[in-house]
Protein backbone atom coordinates (compact mmCIF):
# COMPACT_ATOMS: atom_id res chain seq x y z
CA MET A 1 -77.43 90.90 -36.12
CA ASN A 2 -74.45 89.50 -38.08
CA THR A 3 -75.65 88.32 -41.58
CA PHE A 4 -73.70 85.15 -41.29
CA LEU A 5 -75.46 84.17 -37.95
CA LEU A 6 -78.96 84.69 -39.71
CA LEU A 7 -78.16 82.40 -42.19
CA VAL A 8 -76.89 79.66 -40.06
CA PRO A 9 -80.18 78.04 -39.41
CA LEU A 10 -81.00 78.02 -43.08
CA ILE A 11 -77.70 76.53 -44.13
CA VAL A 12 -78.02 73.73 -41.32
CA VAL A 13 -81.66 73.02 -43.06
CA MET A 14 -80.07 72.92 -46.56
CA VAL A 15 -77.01 70.46 -45.45
CA LEU A 16 -79.31 68.07 -43.42
CA LEU A 17 -81.76 67.83 -46.66
CA LEU A 18 -78.70 67.63 -48.98
CA LEU A 19 -77.84 64.44 -46.34
CA ARG A 20 -81.52 63.28 -46.77
CA GLN A 21 -82.86 63.78 -43.59
CA HIS A 22 -86.49 64.10 -43.25
CA MET A 23 -87.51 67.52 -43.83
CA LEU A 24 -89.12 67.85 -40.29
CA VAL A 25 -85.83 66.78 -38.60
CA ALA A 26 -84.09 69.47 -40.77
CA GLY A 27 -86.68 71.95 -40.02
CA ALA A 28 -86.77 71.32 -36.55
CA VAL A 29 -83.01 71.67 -36.14
CA GLY A 30 -83.15 75.04 -37.91
CA GLY A 31 -86.21 76.31 -35.86
CA ILE A 32 -84.30 75.60 -32.59
CA LEU A 33 -81.02 77.50 -33.85
CA ALA A 34 -83.43 80.61 -35.07
CA ILE A 35 -84.83 80.64 -31.29
CA LEU A 36 -81.54 80.55 -29.90
CA ILE A 37 -80.04 83.07 -32.14
CA GLY A 38 -82.91 85.48 -32.17
CA GLY A 39 -83.80 85.02 -28.52
CA ILE A 40 -87.51 84.20 -29.49
CA SER A 41 -89.26 83.28 -26.36
CA PRO A 42 -91.24 79.92 -26.03
CA ALA A 43 -94.78 81.17 -26.31
CA ASP A 44 -93.94 83.23 -29.68
CA ALA A 45 -92.29 80.17 -31.14
CA GLY A 46 -95.02 77.77 -30.20
CA SER A 47 -97.39 80.52 -32.01
CA ILE A 48 -95.23 80.72 -35.05
CA PHE A 49 -95.27 76.99 -35.32
CA THR A 50 -98.90 76.50 -34.88
CA GLN A 51 -99.64 79.26 -37.52
CA GLY A 52 -97.36 77.35 -40.10
CA THR A 53 -99.51 74.28 -39.55
CA ALA A 54 -102.69 75.80 -39.56
CA SER A 55 -102.05 77.87 -42.65
CA MET A 56 -101.65 74.53 -44.71
CA LEU A 57 -104.45 72.40 -43.19
CA GLY A 58 -106.65 75.54 -43.57
CA ILE A 59 -106.59 75.08 -47.48
CA THR A 60 -109.50 72.66 -48.18
CA THR A 61 -109.52 72.72 -52.14
CA PRO A 62 -106.51 70.76 -52.79
CA ILE A 63 -107.68 68.15 -50.37
CA LEU A 64 -111.05 67.93 -52.02
CA TYR A 65 -109.76 67.56 -55.72
CA ALA A 66 -106.99 65.25 -54.89
CA ALA A 67 -109.55 62.91 -52.87
CA ALA A 68 -111.96 63.12 -55.92
CA ALA A 69 -108.99 62.10 -58.43
CA MET A 70 -107.97 59.06 -56.28
CA MET A 71 -111.73 58.28 -56.46
CA VAL A 72 -112.14 58.04 -59.91
CA GLY A 73 -109.04 56.43 -60.47
CA LYS A 74 -109.78 53.66 -57.98
CA ALA A 75 -113.35 53.49 -60.21
CA GLY A 76 -111.03 52.99 -63.65
CA SER A 77 -112.27 56.12 -65.02
CA ILE A 78 -108.63 57.30 -66.01
CA LYS A 79 -107.72 53.81 -67.10
CA ALA A 80 -111.00 53.74 -69.26
CA ALA A 81 -109.82 56.94 -70.97
CA VAL A 82 -106.28 55.73 -71.63
CA THR A 83 -107.84 52.31 -73.25
CA LEU A 84 -109.77 54.55 -75.37
CA ALA A 85 -106.92 56.40 -76.64
CA ASN A 86 -105.05 53.05 -77.19
CA ARG A 87 -107.66 51.71 -79.27
CA GLY A 88 -108.21 54.92 -81.21
CA LEU A 89 -104.56 55.48 -82.09
CA GLY A 90 -103.11 52.33 -81.70
CA LYS A 91 -101.49 52.31 -85.44
CA GLN A 92 -100.06 55.89 -85.00
CA VAL A 93 -97.72 54.79 -82.09
CA GLY A 94 -96.22 58.42 -81.74
CA LEU A 95 -99.40 59.88 -81.50
CA LEU A 96 -100.55 57.43 -78.96
CA ALA A 97 -97.36 57.98 -76.79
CA ALA A 98 -97.91 61.84 -76.94
CA PHE A 99 -101.86 61.49 -75.97
CA MET A 100 -100.86 59.15 -73.03
CA VAL A 101 -98.33 61.72 -71.93
CA LEU A 102 -101.31 64.35 -72.06
CA ILE A 103 -103.36 61.97 -70.01
CA GLN A 104 -100.71 61.86 -67.52
CA ALA A 105 -100.54 65.28 -67.36
CA ALA A 106 -104.15 66.01 -67.10
CA ALA A 107 -104.63 63.12 -64.31
CA THR A 108 -101.64 64.70 -62.55
CA TYR A 109 -102.90 68.27 -62.70
CA MET A 110 -106.48 66.88 -61.59
CA ALA A 111 -104.91 65.05 -58.54
CA GLY A 112 -102.12 67.72 -57.71
CA MET A 113 -99.78 64.53 -57.40
CA GLY A 114 -98.24 62.29 -60.02
CA ALA A 115 -97.10 59.21 -58.54
CA GLY A 116 -100.33 57.54 -58.20
CA ASN A 117 -101.24 58.33 -61.74
CA THR A 118 -97.93 57.21 -62.86
CA MET A 119 -98.46 53.74 -61.50
CA VAL A 120 -101.62 53.71 -63.69
CA THR A 121 -100.46 55.11 -66.79
CA ALA A 122 -96.59 54.06 -67.12
CA PRO A 123 -97.34 50.17 -67.51
CA LEU A 124 -99.90 51.27 -70.55
CA VAL A 125 -97.57 53.35 -72.12
CA ALA A 126 -94.73 50.43 -71.70
CA ALA A 127 -96.89 48.05 -73.38
CA ALA A 128 -97.55 50.43 -76.29
CA VAL A 129 -94.21 51.81 -76.78
CA GLY A 130 -91.69 50.43 -74.49
CA ALA A 131 -88.99 52.34 -72.41
CA VAL A 132 -88.26 54.85 -75.08
CA PRO A 133 -86.33 57.34 -73.11
CA PRO A 134 -87.78 60.59 -74.59
CA VAL A 135 -91.14 59.00 -73.68
CA ILE A 136 -90.40 58.47 -70.12
CA ALA A 137 -88.71 61.84 -69.86
CA GLY A 138 -91.84 63.48 -71.67
CA MET A 139 -93.94 61.96 -69.00
CA ALA A 140 -91.64 63.35 -66.11
CA ILE A 141 -91.69 66.74 -67.37
CA ALA A 142 -95.35 67.03 -68.00
CA THR A 143 -95.82 65.25 -64.64
CA ALA A 144 -93.57 67.95 -62.83
CA ALA A 145 -95.18 71.06 -64.53
CA SER A 146 -98.56 69.59 -63.52
CA PHE A 147 -98.35 69.03 -59.70
CA THR A 148 -96.43 72.37 -59.36
CA THR A 149 -99.26 74.52 -60.77
CA SER A 150 -102.14 72.30 -60.02
CA PRO A 151 -105.07 74.03 -57.68
CA ALA A 152 -105.01 70.78 -55.92
CA SER A 153 -101.35 70.59 -55.04
CA THR A 154 -99.38 71.42 -51.87
CA GLU A 155 -96.82 73.10 -54.08
CA THR A 156 -99.09 75.46 -55.59
CA VAL A 157 -100.58 76.37 -52.06
CA ILE A 158 -97.18 77.25 -51.03
CA THR A 159 -96.18 79.38 -54.02
CA ALA A 160 -99.74 81.21 -54.22
CA GLU A 161 -99.56 81.85 -50.51
CA PHE A 162 -95.99 83.92 -51.00
CA ALA A 163 -97.12 85.31 -54.17
CA GLY A 164 -99.78 87.13 -52.02
CA VAL A 165 -102.22 85.32 -54.84
CA ASP A 166 -105.47 83.23 -54.19
CA VAL A 167 -104.82 79.24 -55.38
CA ALA A 168 -107.30 79.15 -57.79
CA MET A 169 -106.39 82.43 -59.54
CA HIS A 170 -102.40 81.50 -59.28
CA ALA A 171 -103.37 78.09 -60.88
CA SER A 172 -105.33 79.94 -63.73
CA ASN A 173 -102.49 82.40 -64.24
CA MET A 174 -100.05 79.59 -64.77
CA MET A 175 -102.15 77.39 -67.09
CA PRO A 176 -100.61 78.88 -70.37
CA TYR A 177 -97.00 77.79 -68.74
CA THR A 178 -98.62 74.48 -67.61
CA ILE A 179 -99.80 73.85 -71.27
CA LEU A 180 -96.60 74.90 -72.46
CA PHE A 181 -94.42 72.02 -70.75
CA TRP A 182 -97.55 69.49 -71.52
CA VAL A 183 -96.86 70.38 -75.12
CA ILE A 184 -93.01 70.00 -74.63
CA GLY A 185 -93.51 66.43 -72.93
CA ALA A 186 -96.18 65.39 -75.70
CA ALA A 187 -93.78 66.46 -78.47
CA LEU A 188 -90.82 64.45 -76.81
CA ALA A 189 -92.73 61.49 -76.72
CA TYR A 190 -93.87 61.67 -80.13
CA TRP A 191 -90.24 62.41 -81.47
CA GLY A 192 -88.84 59.76 -79.38
CA VAL A 193 -91.24 57.07 -80.89
CA ARG A 194 -90.45 58.56 -84.20
CA LYS A 195 -86.68 58.34 -83.55
CA TYR A 196 -86.40 55.06 -81.64
CA GLY A 197 -89.39 53.06 -82.85
CA SER A 198 -91.34 50.83 -80.35
CA LEU A 199 -89.42 49.13 -77.93
CA THR A 200 -92.23 47.34 -76.69
CA VAL A 201 -90.98 43.98 -74.53
CA GLY A 202 -94.17 42.01 -74.85
CA ASP A 203 -97.34 41.13 -72.73
CA GLU A 204 -95.97 40.53 -69.13
CA GLY A 205 -99.02 38.42 -68.43
CA GLY A 206 -102.32 39.07 -66.79
CA LYS A 207 -105.69 40.05 -68.39
CA ASP A 208 -106.60 43.60 -68.79
CA GLU A 209 -109.86 44.19 -67.27
CA PHE A 210 -111.16 46.45 -70.22
CA ALA A 211 -110.05 44.09 -72.91
CA ASP A 212 -113.21 42.92 -73.98
CA VAL A 213 -115.22 46.06 -73.03
CA SER A 214 -116.82 47.80 -75.84
CA ALA A 215 -115.87 51.29 -76.87
CA GLY A 216 -119.41 52.62 -75.53
CA THR A 217 -118.86 51.32 -72.30
CA LEU A 218 -115.41 52.90 -72.09
CA TRP A 219 -116.74 56.08 -72.89
CA VAL A 220 -119.30 55.95 -70.33
CA ARG A 221 -116.50 54.73 -67.62
CA SER A 222 -114.24 57.83 -68.64
CA ILE A 223 -117.08 60.38 -68.00
CA PRO A 224 -116.30 60.86 -64.23
CA PHE A 225 -112.58 61.52 -65.32
CA ILE A 226 -113.58 63.76 -68.53
CA ALA A 227 -115.83 65.74 -66.23
CA LEU A 228 -113.53 66.46 -63.02
CA LEU A 229 -110.63 67.24 -65.38
CA GLY A 230 -113.04 69.65 -67.16
CA LEU A 231 -114.13 71.36 -64.30
CA VAL A 232 -111.06 71.71 -62.46
CA ILE A 233 -109.65 73.63 -65.35
CA LEU A 234 -112.52 75.51 -66.69
CA GLY A 235 -114.98 75.82 -63.60
CA SER A 236 -113.91 79.41 -62.87
CA LYS A 237 -114.38 80.25 -66.42
CA LEU A 238 -117.96 78.77 -66.81
CA ASN A 239 -118.94 80.51 -63.52
CA GLY A 240 -117.96 83.96 -65.24
CA LEU A 241 -119.89 83.04 -68.29
CA LEU A 242 -122.77 81.72 -66.49
CA GLY A 243 -122.66 84.76 -64.05
CA VAL A 244 -123.04 82.57 -60.99
CA ALA A 245 -120.72 80.54 -58.99
CA LEU A 246 -122.28 77.14 -59.96
CA PHE A 247 -119.08 75.18 -60.04
CA THR A 248 -117.44 75.28 -56.77
CA PRO A 249 -114.97 72.69 -55.20
CA GLY A 250 -118.02 71.24 -53.19
CA SER A 251 -120.33 71.16 -56.17
CA ILE A 252 -117.76 69.69 -58.44
CA ILE A 253 -116.93 67.16 -55.92
CA LEU A 254 -120.34 66.18 -55.59
CA LEU A 255 -121.33 65.88 -59.07
CA THR A 256 -117.94 63.80 -59.65
CA THR A 257 -119.16 61.48 -56.81
CA VAL A 258 -122.39 61.10 -58.47
CA LEU A 259 -121.14 60.41 -62.08
CA THR A 260 -118.66 57.97 -60.56
CA TRP A 261 -121.76 55.68 -58.97
CA LEU A 262 -124.00 56.15 -62.10
CA CYS A 263 -120.86 55.48 -64.74
CA CYS A 264 -118.62 53.02 -62.99
CA LYS A 265 -119.15 49.90 -61.20
CA MET A 266 -118.89 51.36 -57.83
CA SER A 267 -121.67 51.85 -55.37
CA LEU A 268 -122.16 55.38 -53.71
CA THR A 269 -120.97 53.82 -50.50
CA GLU A 270 -118.08 52.66 -52.30
CA ALA A 271 -117.32 55.86 -53.80
CA ALA A 272 -117.74 57.85 -50.53
CA GLU A 273 -115.33 55.38 -48.86
CA GLN A 274 -112.87 56.02 -51.82
CA LEU A 275 -113.45 59.73 -51.52
CA VAL A 276 -112.24 59.86 -47.89
CA ASN A 277 -109.61 57.44 -48.40
CA GLY A 278 -108.24 59.71 -51.25
CA GLY A 279 -107.73 62.56 -49.01
CA GLN A 280 -105.21 60.68 -46.85
CA PHE A 281 -102.12 61.35 -48.82
CA ILE A 282 -102.43 64.95 -49.18
CA LEU A 283 -103.66 65.50 -45.75
CA VAL A 284 -100.66 64.19 -44.24
CA THR A 285 -98.57 66.05 -47.09
CA LEU A 286 -100.03 69.09 -45.83
CA PHE A 287 -99.71 68.32 -42.35
CA SER A 288 -95.96 67.41 -42.65
CA VAL A 289 -95.38 70.76 -44.65
CA GLY A 290 -97.34 72.71 -42.36
CA MET A 291 -95.03 71.84 -39.45
CA PHE A 292 -91.87 72.31 -41.65
CA LEU A 293 -93.31 75.93 -42.80
CA GLY A 294 -93.74 76.43 -38.76
CA PHE A 295 -90.07 76.04 -38.29
CA ILE A 296 -88.96 77.83 -41.42
CA ASN A 297 -91.16 80.86 -40.39
CA MET A 298 -88.97 81.14 -37.28
CA MET A 299 -85.99 82.11 -39.48
CA GLY A 300 -88.38 84.64 -40.99
CA GLU A 301 -88.93 85.98 -37.63
CA ILE A 302 -85.50 86.54 -36.97
CA GLY A 303 -84.75 88.24 -40.23
CA THR A 304 -83.28 85.17 -42.07
CA PHE A 305 -85.09 85.89 -45.33
CA GLU A 306 -84.78 89.33 -45.43
CA ALA A 307 -80.95 88.88 -45.10
CA ILE A 308 -80.98 86.60 -48.17
CA ALA A 309 -82.84 89.01 -49.90
CA GLY A 310 -80.50 91.98 -49.04
CA LEU A 311 -77.75 89.64 -50.56
CA ALA A 312 -79.50 88.92 -53.64
CA GLY A 313 -80.55 92.29 -54.03
CA ALA A 314 -77.25 93.32 -55.14
CA ALA A 315 -77.39 91.30 -58.20
CA PRO A 316 -79.30 93.11 -61.15
CA SER A 317 -83.10 92.56 -60.69
CA SER A 318 -82.98 91.04 -64.25
CA ILE A 319 -81.35 87.85 -62.95
CA ILE A 320 -83.20 87.40 -59.48
CA ALA A 321 -85.52 84.88 -60.84
CA PRO A 322 -83.45 82.83 -63.26
CA VAL A 323 -80.71 82.44 -60.34
CA ALA A 324 -83.84 81.19 -58.08
CA ALA A 325 -85.04 78.82 -60.39
CA ILE A 326 -81.64 77.32 -61.03
CA VAL A 327 -81.22 77.21 -57.45
CA ALA A 328 -84.40 75.80 -56.54
CA PHE A 329 -83.72 73.10 -59.12
CA ILE A 330 -80.67 72.03 -57.79
CA VAL A 331 -81.89 72.02 -54.33
CA ALA A 332 -84.56 69.85 -55.46
CA ILE A 333 -82.36 67.05 -56.60
CA PRO A 334 -81.10 65.66 -53.20
CA SER A 335 -84.38 66.49 -51.59
CA GLY A 336 -86.71 64.95 -54.47
CA ALA A 337 -89.21 63.46 -51.98
CA MET A 338 -89.78 66.79 -50.27
CA CYS A 339 -90.49 69.25 -53.24
CA ALA A 340 -93.20 71.03 -51.14
CA GLY A 341 -90.55 71.53 -48.55
CA VAL A 342 -87.93 73.11 -50.98
CA LEU A 343 -90.69 75.48 -52.11
CA ALA A 344 -91.08 76.38 -48.53
CA LEU A 345 -87.52 77.02 -48.21
CA ILE A 346 -86.88 79.09 -51.50
CA MET A 347 -90.23 81.17 -51.81
CA PRO A 348 -89.60 83.31 -48.67
CA THR A 349 -86.51 84.63 -50.11
CA ILE A 350 -87.85 85.73 -53.72
CA ALA A 351 -91.14 86.80 -52.12
CA ALA A 352 -89.12 89.15 -50.03
CA ILE A 353 -87.20 90.44 -53.14
CA GLY A 354 -90.31 91.22 -55.19
CA THR A 355 -90.28 88.72 -57.70
CA SER A 356 -93.43 88.49 -60.03
CA PRO A 357 -96.11 85.65 -59.24
CA ALA A 358 -95.49 84.30 -62.54
CA ALA A 359 -91.78 83.89 -62.24
CA MET A 360 -92.63 82.50 -58.68
CA GLY A 361 -94.81 79.92 -60.46
CA LEU A 362 -91.72 78.87 -62.89
CA VAL A 363 -89.42 78.73 -59.98
CA ALA A 364 -91.80 76.09 -58.77
CA ILE A 365 -91.79 74.13 -61.96
CA ALA A 366 -88.06 74.49 -61.98
CA THR A 367 -88.23 72.72 -58.62
CA GLY A 368 -90.58 69.99 -59.93
CA LEU A 369 -88.26 69.33 -62.86
CA GLY A 370 -85.43 68.82 -60.52
CA THR A 371 -87.27 66.15 -58.56
CA GLN A 372 -87.29 64.13 -61.46
CA ILE A 373 -83.98 63.40 -61.83
CA SER A 374 -83.75 62.68 -58.13
CA PRO A 375 -83.17 59.18 -57.10
CA VAL A 376 -85.58 59.55 -53.92
CA GLN A 377 -88.59 61.09 -55.83
CA ILE A 378 -91.63 58.71 -55.46
CA ASN A 379 -92.67 59.46 -59.15
CA VAL A 380 -89.37 58.52 -60.42
CA ALA A 381 -89.62 55.22 -58.70
CA ALA A 382 -93.13 54.93 -60.07
CA LEU A 383 -91.71 55.32 -63.90
CA GLY A 384 -88.93 52.73 -63.05
CA GLN A 385 -91.52 50.32 -61.81
CA GLY A 386 -93.89 50.97 -64.79
CA PHE A 387 -91.19 50.79 -67.51
CA LYS A 388 -89.01 48.08 -65.45
CA LYS A 389 -86.08 49.85 -65.17
CA ASP A 390 -83.69 50.65 -62.32
CA ILE A 391 -84.21 54.10 -60.63
CA MET A 392 -80.84 55.39 -61.76
CA GLU A 393 -81.39 54.44 -65.43
CA VAL A 394 -84.78 56.55 -65.24
CA VAL A 395 -82.86 59.26 -63.79
CA ARG A 396 -79.96 59.12 -66.38
CA MET A 397 -82.57 59.09 -69.28
CA ASN A 398 -84.20 62.09 -67.77
CA ILE A 399 -81.22 64.19 -67.28
CA PRO A 400 -80.64 65.54 -70.78
CA TYR A 401 -84.33 66.44 -71.38
CA VAL A 402 -84.95 67.80 -67.98
CA LEU A 403 -82.10 70.24 -68.05
CA GLY A 404 -83.21 71.16 -71.73
CA THR A 405 -86.79 71.97 -70.25
CA LEU A 406 -84.76 74.03 -67.47
CA ALA A 407 -82.94 76.17 -69.95
CA VAL A 408 -86.48 77.16 -71.22
CA ILE A 409 -87.41 78.21 -67.84
CA VAL A 410 -84.46 80.32 -67.21
CA VAL A 411 -85.08 82.08 -70.81
CA ILE A 412 -88.93 82.78 -69.76
CA CYS A 413 -87.74 83.97 -66.23
CA PHE A 414 -85.84 86.59 -67.69
CA ILE A 415 -88.75 87.83 -69.39
CA VAL A 416 -91.26 87.63 -66.62
CA GLY A 417 -89.29 88.06 -63.82
């Protein structure tokens, strides 16, 4: 079949995404075109679509971790940890900003999504240091690296699926890169405060619920957050040391729920309700991405991605991963609200080329970075609200630092691609 015809469904999807159409609208149009061009029967099309949805909803670990993170957030455990940092490092404002970036990164990694945590941490950072551009950019960069490599995120699920690696294993393999971008984000925050000083604008009013709480109580309230974070990151390694799979997603969630009840002012019934409510966002996201993936798989059925891989294969293999990272970054800018959808478009192509799982993970991080200079990205809106800045102002603040971080990814892709 003519290569251009094979590319038409994908081109149409990309154009619709650039025009800010919902990813399901774009996916449906592309899927219908693939059916017409490839002559896929209605029965086969239905089966392909269903498999795409089922592949996303069958992943339970991200749902469990995201729900637990929302639960401890609602219980005030994350805010308690941030308050402790504020008290302990208050005179070292640069260190405080860097530490808060790490708290944001860790909370996002744990939840698999950033905007909800940003709503909590951004106002506290703003109160401590003000709207310092490198601090805001540091939070954005650390957040992007976290939600694109977290075992609790849709983005990691998609990347791991196309890389042919277990989700937990892929997240573990990407941890060194995740930490690298955490360090970059924290270093930017520290340097920014040292350069610009504190730009606090004063108290916006309202009493902090932890203002009169003792440090001991705050440490107790922080335990669920610390335990969940530590077990999400180190659970598999601890299982290896113990020789038994003690820390499974189920046991981690159960332990976190009990700790939330014991350490925070939340009954077991309330904790259970928040656990259930916490899973709603990721369930909706997985459902929508699964349907989008079903449409995209129809293009794979007619050979669209093989055609793209053939075109890309003409380039030297050493530049395939860097080029994919740049393309994913650019596509993510107008499609910032749909990072997982962008990955569902990009990953089949680079998987068909034979790119390494590490390089695919870096492409996912590049995609996440692209969303952080997108006016339609929820985390950018959360940063604007927290720092009392217009969304486009946040975008302009982030651009130079995000582009610099993309350059780092491109260089690494030359090494691991």
